[in-house]
């Protein structure tokens, strides 16, 4: 149907050609470097230490999901999952429960939440 563009829009929303493998791998590399460097802040009370571990766990899970989606050729979801992983790390750093010293990898400046 010439007038029906809903199907066309829905199909293009998951078009993996929008992001190529190299771009996804670049984002995954940045996130992998951040995961390797981030650490739980020392001296936290048990509740905050548990939150920090949960943030790390979520980041690691999203990073693993990103790799899974990449092997399926789903660049959109692979890219998104890598971004979500990094967002968990940045959120932990901003909240003061995770530490990462490289301003190229983390949002270093603490902000009030």
Protein backbone atom coordinates (compact mmCIF):
# COMPACT_ATOMS: atom_id res chain seq x y z
CA UNK A 1 0.00 0.00 0.00
CA UNK A 2 1.47 3.30 -1.08
CA UNK A 3 -0.12 5.31 1.72
CA UNK A 4 0.83 2.96 4.58
CA UNK A 5 4.19 4.05 6.00
CA UNK A 6 3.75 2.45 9.44
CA UNK A 7 5.37 -0.80 8.33
CA UNK A 8 8.25 1.09 6.72
CA UNK A 9 8.90 3.10 9.88
CA UNK A 10 8.74 0.01 12.07
CA UNK A 11 11.16 -1.87 9.83
CA UNK A 12 13.70 0.95 9.76
CA UNK A 13 13.59 1.32 13.55
CA UNK A 14 15.57 -1.93 13.84
CA UNK A 15 17.72 -1.51 10.72
CA UNK A 16 21.20 -2.56 11.82
CA UNK A 17 22.81 -0.86 8.82
CA UNK A 18 22.36 2.47 10.66
CA UNK A 19 25.20 1.44 13.02
CA UNK A 20 28.06 -0.61 11.66
CA UNK A 21 30.04 -3.18 13.62
CA UNK A 22 33.04 -0.88 13.98
CA UNK A 23 30.96 1.82 15.69
CA UNK A 24 29.40 -0.69 18.09
CA UNK A 25 32.81 -2.20 18.87
CA UNK A 26 34.20 1.28 19.57
CA UNK A 27 31.49 1.91 22.16
CA UNK A 28 32.00 -1.56 23.63
CA UNK A 29 35.73 -0.85 23.92
CA UNK A 30 35.13 2.37 25.85
CA UNK A 31 32.72 0.56 28.16
CA UNK A 32 35.13 -2.36 28.62
CA UNK A 33 37.90 0.06 29.63
CA UNK A 34 35.53 1.73 32.10
CA UNK A 35 34.50 -1.63 33.57
CA UNK A 36 38.16 -2.56 34.00
CA UNK A 37 38.93 0.67 35.87
CA UNK A 38 35.85 1.26 38.00
CA UNK A 39 35.83 0.18 41.63
CA UNK A 40 33.57 0.34 44.66
CA UNK A 41 34.42 3.34 46.83
CA UNK A 42 36.17 2.26 50.01
CA UNK A 43 34.61 2.97 53.39
CA UNK A 44 30.97 2.83 52.30
CA UNK A 45 28.41 1.56 54.75
CA UNK A 46 26.98 -1.87 53.89
CA UNK A 47 23.84 -0.46 52.26
CA UNK A 48 25.81 1.78 49.87
CA UNK A 49 28.39 -0.95 49.21
CA UNK A 50 25.52 -3.27 48.22
CA UNK A 51 24.13 -0.56 45.92
CA UNK A 52 27.55 -0.13 44.34
CA UNK A 53 27.80 -3.87 43.69
CA UNK A 54 24.32 -3.80 42.15
CA UNK A 55 25.35 -0.95 39.84
CA UNK A 56 28.42 -2.93 38.77
CA UNK A 57 26.36 -6.05 38.26
CA UNK A 58 23.88 -4.19 36.07
CA UNK A 59 26.71 -2.68 34.03
CA UNK A 60 28.31 -6.09 33.53
CA UNK A 61 24.99 -7.66 32.52
CA UNK A 62 24.22 -4.94 29.99
CA UNK A 63 27.75 -5.22 28.62
CA UNK A 64 27.29 -8.99 28.20
CA UNK A 65 23.92 -8.39 26.53
CA UNK A 66 25.64 -6.00 24.15
CA UNK A 67 28.04 -8.74 23.07
CA UNK A 68 25.16 -11.16 22.59
CA UNK A 69 23.25 -8.70 20.40
CA UNK A 70 26.40 -8.00 18.40
CA UNK A 71 26.86 -11.71 17.63
CA UNK A 72 23.28 -11.73 16.36
CA UNK A 73 24.06 -8.79 14.09
CA UNK A 74 21.63 -6.55 15.97
CA UNK A 75 23.76 -3.41 16.05
CA UNK A 76 21.02 -1.18 17.42
CA UNK A 77 20.46 -3.26 20.55
CA UNK A 78 24.20 -3.97 20.93
CA UNK A 79 24.96 -0.26 20.87
CA UNK A 80 22.11 0.54 23.24
CA UNK A 81 23.11 -2.12 25.75
CA UNK A 82 26.72 -0.87 25.74
CA UNK A 83 25.44 2.66 26.41
CA UNK A 84 23.20 1.42 29.22
CA UNK A 85 26.18 -0.41 30.76
CA UNK A 86 28.23 2.76 30.73
CA UNK A 87 25.32 4.77 32.11
CA UNK A 88 25.16 2.49 35.17
CA UNK A 89 28.86 3.16 35.76
CA UNK A 90 28.51 6.92 35.36
CA UNK A 91 25.49 6.95 37.66
CA UNK A 92 27.47 5.12 40.33
CA UNK A 93 30.38 7.54 40.01
CA UNK A 94 28.07 10.56 40.20
CA UNK A 95 26.31 9.05 43.24
CA UNK A 96 29.67 8.60 44.95
CA UNK A 97 29.45 4.82 45.36
CA UNK A 98 31.72 3.91 42.44
CA UNK A 99 35.10 5.41 41.67
CA UNK A 100 36.64 5.98 38.28
CA UNK A 101 39.51 8.39 37.82
CA UNK A 102 39.70 8.82 34.05
CA UNK A 103 37.63 11.82 32.88
CA UNK A 104 37.65 10.36 29.37
CA UNK A 105 35.69 7.38 30.68
CA UNK A 106 33.63 8.70 33.60
CA UNK A 107 31.61 11.71 34.63
CA UNK A 108 34.02 12.66 37.39
CA UNK A 109 32.44 15.80 38.75
CA UNK A 110 30.02 14.86 41.53
CA UNK A 111 26.64 16.42 41.22
CA UNK A 112 23.90 16.59 43.80
CA UNK A 113 21.06 14.26 43.02
